[in-house]
Amino acid sequence: MINKALTDSELLVLGLVAEMSRHGYELEQIIEQRGMREWTQIGFSSIYFVLGKLEKKGLVVAKQPEKTKTKKSYTITDIGHEILVSQTLSALSSMRPTYSSVLLGMIHWSVLTREQALEALETRKKAIAKELLRLGDIHFKQQPSPDYEIGRAHV
């Protein structure tokens, strides 16, 4: 399999195009509707840039209906699907460092009393539990998620 490392934005857009053929504005709407803005760094104007990059890599193809002003619709290619599977497996199985403010707190732990430090960690634990519940609720409300297209473009 060809290894074409994707950015997080490319992986996001490729996955959304894999669900079904979409144009850029539709992708923006899906990102908004699914609350993806909370955990992704893709702006509206970046969507078309990312689609162009994916098209240059041969991972999606753009189709515009003849003699109409309809927007280009993007479809995943077979190689795009292979890369999507590979990159999704990598995203799920590999550990990438994240730089959280908690690490700064751990470095400066010594300026706190033991009680302050434990109380702060307990507050963090409660916040994480609350966030997990909130994300689970968002996921539940989005069900059923769309199925992926069975047929993909052949390039």
C-alpha atoms as a PDB file:
ATOM      1  CA  MET A   1       0.000   0.000   0.000  1.00  0.00           C
ATOM      2  CA  ILE A   2       1.202   3.495  -0.793  1.00  0.00           C
ATOM      3  CA  ASN A   3       2.007   5.519   2.293  1.00  0.00           C
ATOM      4  CA  LYS A   4       0.774   9.070   1.874  1.00  0.00           C
ATOM      5  CA  ALA A   5       0.744  10.727   5.277  1.00  0.00           C
ATOM      6  CA  LEU A   6      -2.223  13.039   5.663  1.00  0.00           C
ATOM      7  CA  THR A   7      -2.664  16.032   7.882  1.00  0.00           C
ATOM      8  CA  ASP A   8      -5.522  15.891  10.382  1.00  0.00           C
ATOM      9  CA  SER A   9      -7.547  18.225   8.160  1.00  0.00           C
ATOM     10  CA  GLU A  10      -6.947  16.048   5.104  1.00  0.00           C
ATOM     11  CA  LEU A  11      -7.960  12.920   7.009  1.00  0.00           C
ATOM     12  CA  LEU A  12     -11.127  14.613   8.249  1.00  0.00           C
ATOM     13  CA  VAL A  13     -12.196  15.822   4.798  1.00  0.00           C
ATOM     14  CA  LEU A  14     -11.276  12.532   3.108  1.00  0.00           C
ATOM     15  CA  GLY A  15     -13.393  10.623   5.625  1.00  0.00           C
ATOM     16  CA  LEU A  16     -16.378  12.901   5.060  1.00  0.00           C
ATOM     17  CA  VAL A  17     -16.071  12.552   1.282  1.00  0.00           C
ATOM     18  CA  ALA A  18     -15.859   8.767   1.747  1.00  0.00           C
ATOM     19  CA  GLU A  19     -19.311   8.788   3.381  1.00  0.00           C
ATOM     20  CA  MET A  20     -20.795  10.185   0.174  1.00  0.00           C
ATOM     21  CA  SER A  21     -19.889  12.562  -2.639  1.00  0.00           C
ATOM     22  CA  ARG A  22     -19.978  16.118  -1.370  1.00  0.00           C
ATOM     23  CA  HIS A  23     -19.094  19.643  -2.416  1.00  0.00           C
ATOM     24  CA  GLY A  24     -17.136  22.051  -0.223  1.00  0.00           C
ATOM     25  CA  TYR A  25     -20.108  23.886   1.239  1.00  0.00           C
ATOM     26  CA  GLU A  26     -21.724  20.569   2.225  1.00  0.00           C
ATOM     27  CA  LEU A  27     -18.515  19.615   4.015  1.00  0.00           C
ATOM     28  CA  GLU A  28     -18.643  22.876   5.965  1.00  0.00           C
ATOM     29  CA  GLN A  29     -22.245  22.161   6.983  1.00  0.00           C
ATOM     30  CA  ILE A  30     -21.399  18.614   8.132  1.00  0.00           C
ATOM     31  CA  ILE A  31     -18.425  19.869  10.159  1.00  0.00           C
ATOM     32  CA  GLU A  32     -20.704  22.397  11.874  1.00  0.00           C
ATOM     33  CA  GLN A  33     -23.634  19.993  12.388  1.00  0.00           C
ATOM     34  CA  ARG A  34     -21.472  17.292  13.926  1.00  0.00           C
ATOM     35  CA  GLY A  35     -19.665  19.674  16.264  1.00  0.00           C
ATOM     36  CA  MET A  36     -16.299  18.932  14.676  1.00  0.00           C
ATOM     37  CA  ARG A  37     -15.187  22.531  15.186  1.00  0.00           C
ATOM     38  CA  GLU A  38     -14.556  21.655  18.824  1.00  0.00           C
ATOM     39  CA  TRP A  39     -11.724  19.281  18.030  1.00  0.00           C
ATOM     40  CA  THR A  40     -10.481  20.104  14.558  1.00  0.00           C
ATOM     41  CA  GLN A  41      -8.432  22.993  13.248  1.00  0.00           C
ATOM     42  CA  ILE A  42     -10.076  23.351   9.820  1.00  0.00           C
ATOM     43  CA  GLY A  43     -11.608  26.667   8.848  1.00  0.00           C
ATOM     44  CA  PHE A  44     -14.259  27.190   6.186  1.00  0.00           C
ATOM     45  CA  SER A  45     -11.807  28.681   3.704  1.00  0.00           C
ATOM     46  CA  SER A  46      -9.414  25.758   4.267  1.00  0.00           C
ATOM     47  CA  ILE A  47     -11.899  23.155   3.063  1.00  0.00           C
ATOM     48  CA  TYR A  48     -11.398  24.000  -0.612  1.00  0.00           C
ATOM     49  CA  PHE A  49      -7.629  24.150  -0.129  1.00  0.00           C
ATOM     50  CA  VAL A  50      -7.694  20.676   1.459  1.00  0.00           C
ATOM     51  CA  LEU A  51      -9.933  19.322  -1.308  1.00  0.00           C
ATOM     52  CA  GLY A  52      -7.415  20.624  -3.855  1.00  0.00           C
ATOM     53  CA  LYS A  53      -4.551  18.901  -2.038  1.00  0.00           C
ATOM     54  CA  LEU A  54      -6.497  15.627  -1.873  1.00  0.00           C
ATOM     55  CA  GLU A  55      -7.305  15.899  -5.574  1.00  0.00           C
ATOM     56  CA  LYS A  56      -3.629  16.488  -6.463  1.00  0.00           C
ATOM     57  CA  LYS A  57      -2.698  13.398  -4.439  1.00  0.00           C
ATOM     58  CA  GLY A  58      -5.266  11.378  -6.395  1.00  0.00           C
ATOM     59  CA  LEU A  59      -7.346  10.604  -3.306  1.00  0.00           C
ATOM     60  CA  VAL A  60     -10.519  12.344  -4.520  1.00  0.00           C
ATOM     61  CA  VAL A  61     -11.882  13.341  -7.910  1.00  0.00           C
ATOM     62  CA  ALA A  62     -14.009  16.374  -8.648  1.00  0.00           C
ATOM     63  CA  LYS A  63     -17.002  16.152 -10.928  1.00  0.00           C
ATOM     64  CA  GLN A  64     -19.066  19.065 -12.133  1.00  0.00           C
ATOM     65  CA  PRO A  65     -22.288  18.350 -14.010  1.00  0.00           C
ATOM     66  CA  GLU A  66     -22.072  19.499 -17.613  1.00  0.00           C
ATOM     67  CA  LYS A  67     -23.791  22.717 -18.678  1.00  0.00           C
ATOM     68  CA  THR A  68     -24.851  23.599 -15.141  1.00  0.00           C
ATOM     69  CA  LYS A  69     -23.594  25.956 -12.503  1.00  0.00           C
ATOM     70  CA  THR A  70     -23.804  23.230  -9.886  1.00  0.00           C
ATOM     71  CA  LYS A  71     -20.807  23.073  -7.564  1.00  0.00           C
ATOM     72  CA  LYS A  72     -18.098  20.464  -8.007  1.00  0.00           C
ATOM     73  CA  SER A  73     -18.831  17.312  -6.104  1.00  0.00           C
ATOM     74  CA  TYR A  74     -15.902  15.321  -4.737  1.00  0.00           C
ATOM     75  CA  THR A  75     -15.771  11.529  -4.634  1.00  0.00           C
ATOM     76  CA  ILE A  76     -13.155   9.323  -3.007  1.00  0.00           C
ATOM     77  CA  THR A  77     -10.966   7.198  -5.290  1.00  0.00           C
ATOM     78  CA  ASP A  78      -9.926   3.615  -4.643  1.00  0.00           C
ATOM     79  CA  ILE A  79      -6.455   4.737  -3.574  1.00  0.00           C
ATOM     80  CA  GLY A  80      -8.114   7.399  -1.435  1.00  0.00           C
ATOM     81  CA  HIS A  81     -10.107   4.690   0.320  1.00  0.00           C
ATOM     82  CA  GLU A  82      -6.949   2.640   0.913  1.00  0.00           C
ATOM     83  CA  ILE A  83      -5.181   5.675   2.369  1.00  0.00           C
ATOM     84  CA  LEU A  84      -8.233   6.520   4.497  1.00  0.00           C
ATOM     85  CA  VAL A  85      -8.228   3.026   6.000  1.00  0.00           C
ATOM     86  CA  SER A  86      -4.454   3.092   6.563  1.00  0.00           C
ATOM     87  CA  GLN A  87      -4.444   6.574   8.120  1.00  0.00           C
ATOM     88  CA  THR A  88      -7.491   5.804  10.286  1.00  0.00           C
ATOM     89  CA  LEU A  89      -5.785   2.681  11.630  1.00  0.00           C
ATOM     90  CA  SER A  90      -2.666   4.731  12.299  1.00  0.00           C
ATOM     91  CA  ALA A  91      -4.646   7.485  14.045  1.00  0.00           C
ATOM     92  CA  LEU A  92      -6.309   4.943  16.304  1.00  0.00           C
ATOM     93  CA  SER A  93      -3.269   2.839  17.091  1.00  0.00           C
ATOM     94  CA  SER A  94      -0.400   5.295  17.370  1.00  0.00           C
ATOM     95  CA  MET A  95       0.428   7.679  20.153  1.00  0.00           C
ATOM     96  CA  ARG A  96       1.283  11.247  19.209  1.00  0.00           C
ATOM     97  CA  PRO A  97       2.482  13.646  21.858  1.00  0.00           C
ATOM     98  CA  THR A  98       0.082  16.338  22.905  1.00  0.00           C
ATOM     99  CA  TYR A  99       1.166  19.376  24.780  1.00  0.00           C
ATOM    100  CA  SER A 100      -1.291  20.012  27.526  1.00  0.00           C
ATOM    101  CA  SER A 101      -1.219  22.660  30.204  1.00  0.00           C
ATOM    102  CA  VAL A 102      -1.379  19.831  32.748  1.00  0.00           C
ATOM    103  CA  LEU A 103       2.275  19.145  31.978  1.00  0.00           C
ATOM    104  CA  LEU A 104       3.167  22.685  33.009  1.00  0.00           C
ATOM    105  CA  GLY A 105       1.211  22.146  36.201  1.00  0.00           C
ATOM    106  CA  MET A 106       3.144  18.949  36.887  1.00  0.00           C
ATOM    107  CA  ILE A 107       6.472  20.715  36.357  1.00  0.00           C
ATOM    108  CA  HIS A 108       5.556  23.370  38.943  1.00  0.00           C
ATOM    109  CA  TRP A 109       3.899  20.940  41.366  1.00  0.00           C
ATOM    110  CA  SER A 110       6.410  21.869  44.069  1.00  0.00           C
ATOM    111  CA  VAL A 111       4.966  25.371  44.522  1.00  0.00           C
ATOM    112  CA  LEU A 112       1.692  23.858  45.768  1.00  0.00           C
ATOM    113  CA  THR A 113       0.771  22.186  49.000  1.00  0.00           C
ATOM    114  CA  ARG A 114      -0.104  18.525  48.712  1.00  0.00           C
ATOM    115  CA  GLU A 115      -3.753  19.386  49.378  1.00  0.00           C
ATOM    116  CA  GLN A 116      -3.843  22.061  46.651  1.00  0.00           C
ATOM    117  CA  ALA A 117      -2.307  19.706  44.115  1.00  0.00           C
ATOM    118  CA  LEU A 118      -4.672  16.842  44.911  1.00  0.00           C
ATOM    119  CA  GLU A 119      -7.680  19.148  44.870  1.00  0.00           C
ATOM    120  CA  ALA A 120      -6.635  20.511  41.462  1.00  0.00           C
ATOM    121  CA  LEU A 121      -6.260  16.977  40.069  1.00  0.00           C
ATOM    122  CA  GLU A 122      -9.644  15.996  41.492  1.00  0.00           C
ATOM    123  CA  THR A 123     -11.209  19.037  39.797  1.00  0.00           C
ATOM    124  CA  ARG A 124      -9.521  17.994  36.530  1.00  0.00           C
ATOM    125  CA  LYS A 125     -10.824  14.445  36.925  1.00  0.00           C
ATOM    126  CA  LYS A 126     -14.393  15.744  37.334  1.00  0.00           C
ATOM    127  CA  ALA A 127     -13.999  18.014  34.298  1.00  0.00           C
ATOM    128  CA  ILE A 128     -12.767  15.086  32.192  1.00  0.00           C
ATOM    129  CA  ALA A 129     -15.687  12.916  33.306  1.00  0.00           C
ATOM    130  CA  LYS A 130     -18.125  15.721  32.458  1.00  0.00           C
ATOM    131  CA  GLU A 131     -16.522  16.195  29.021  1.00  0.00           C
ATOM    132  CA  LEU A 132     -16.733  12.460  28.294  1.00  0.00           C
ATOM    133  CA  LEU A 133     -20.452  12.525  29.083  1.00  0.00           C
ATOM    134  CA  ARG A 134     -20.960  15.589  26.886  1.00  0.00           C
ATOM    135  CA  LEU A 135     -19.108  14.003  23.957  1.00  0.00           C
ATOM    136  CA  GLY A 136     -21.037  10.764  24.410  1.00  0.00           C
ATOM    137  CA  ASP A 137     -24.272  12.752  24.257  1.00  0.00           C
ATOM    138  CA  ILE A 138     -23.174  14.484  21.033  1.00  0.00           C
ATOM    139  CA  HIS A 139     -22.280  11.107  19.522  1.00  0.00           C
ATOM    140  CA  PHE A 140     -25.633   9.637  20.543  1.00  0.00           C
ATOM    141  CA  LYS A 141     -27.571  12.558  19.035  1.00  0.00           C
ATOM    142  CA  GLN A 142     -25.763  12.103  15.708  1.00  0.00           C
ATOM    143  CA  GLN A 143     -26.907   8.510  15.292  1.00  0.00           C
ATOM    144  CA  PRO A 144     -27.375   6.912  12.954  1.00  0.00           C
ATOM    145  CA  SER A 145     -24.188   8.052  11.291  1.00  0.00           C
ATOM    146  CA  PRO A 146     -24.255   7.967   7.494  1.00  0.00           C
ATOM    147  CA  ASP A 147     -23.103   4.819   5.777  1.00  0.00           C
ATOM    148  CA  TYR A 148     -20.119   4.975   3.493  1.00  0.00           C
ATOM    149  CA  GLU A 149     -20.698   4.699  -0.238  1.00  0.00           C
ATOM    150  CA  ILE A 150     -20.225   1.197  -1.569  1.00  0.00           C
ATOM    151  CA  GLY A 151     -19.166   2.358  -5.022  1.00  0.00           C
ATOM    152  CA  ARG A 152     -16.201   4.672  -5.321  1.00  0.00           C
ATOM    153  CA  ALA A 153     -14.873   6.540  -8.331  1.00  0.00           C
ATOM    154  CA  HIS A 154     -12.446   4.581 -10.472  1.00  0.00           C
ATOM    155  CA  VAL A 155      -9.577   6.642 -11.714  1.00  0.00           C
END
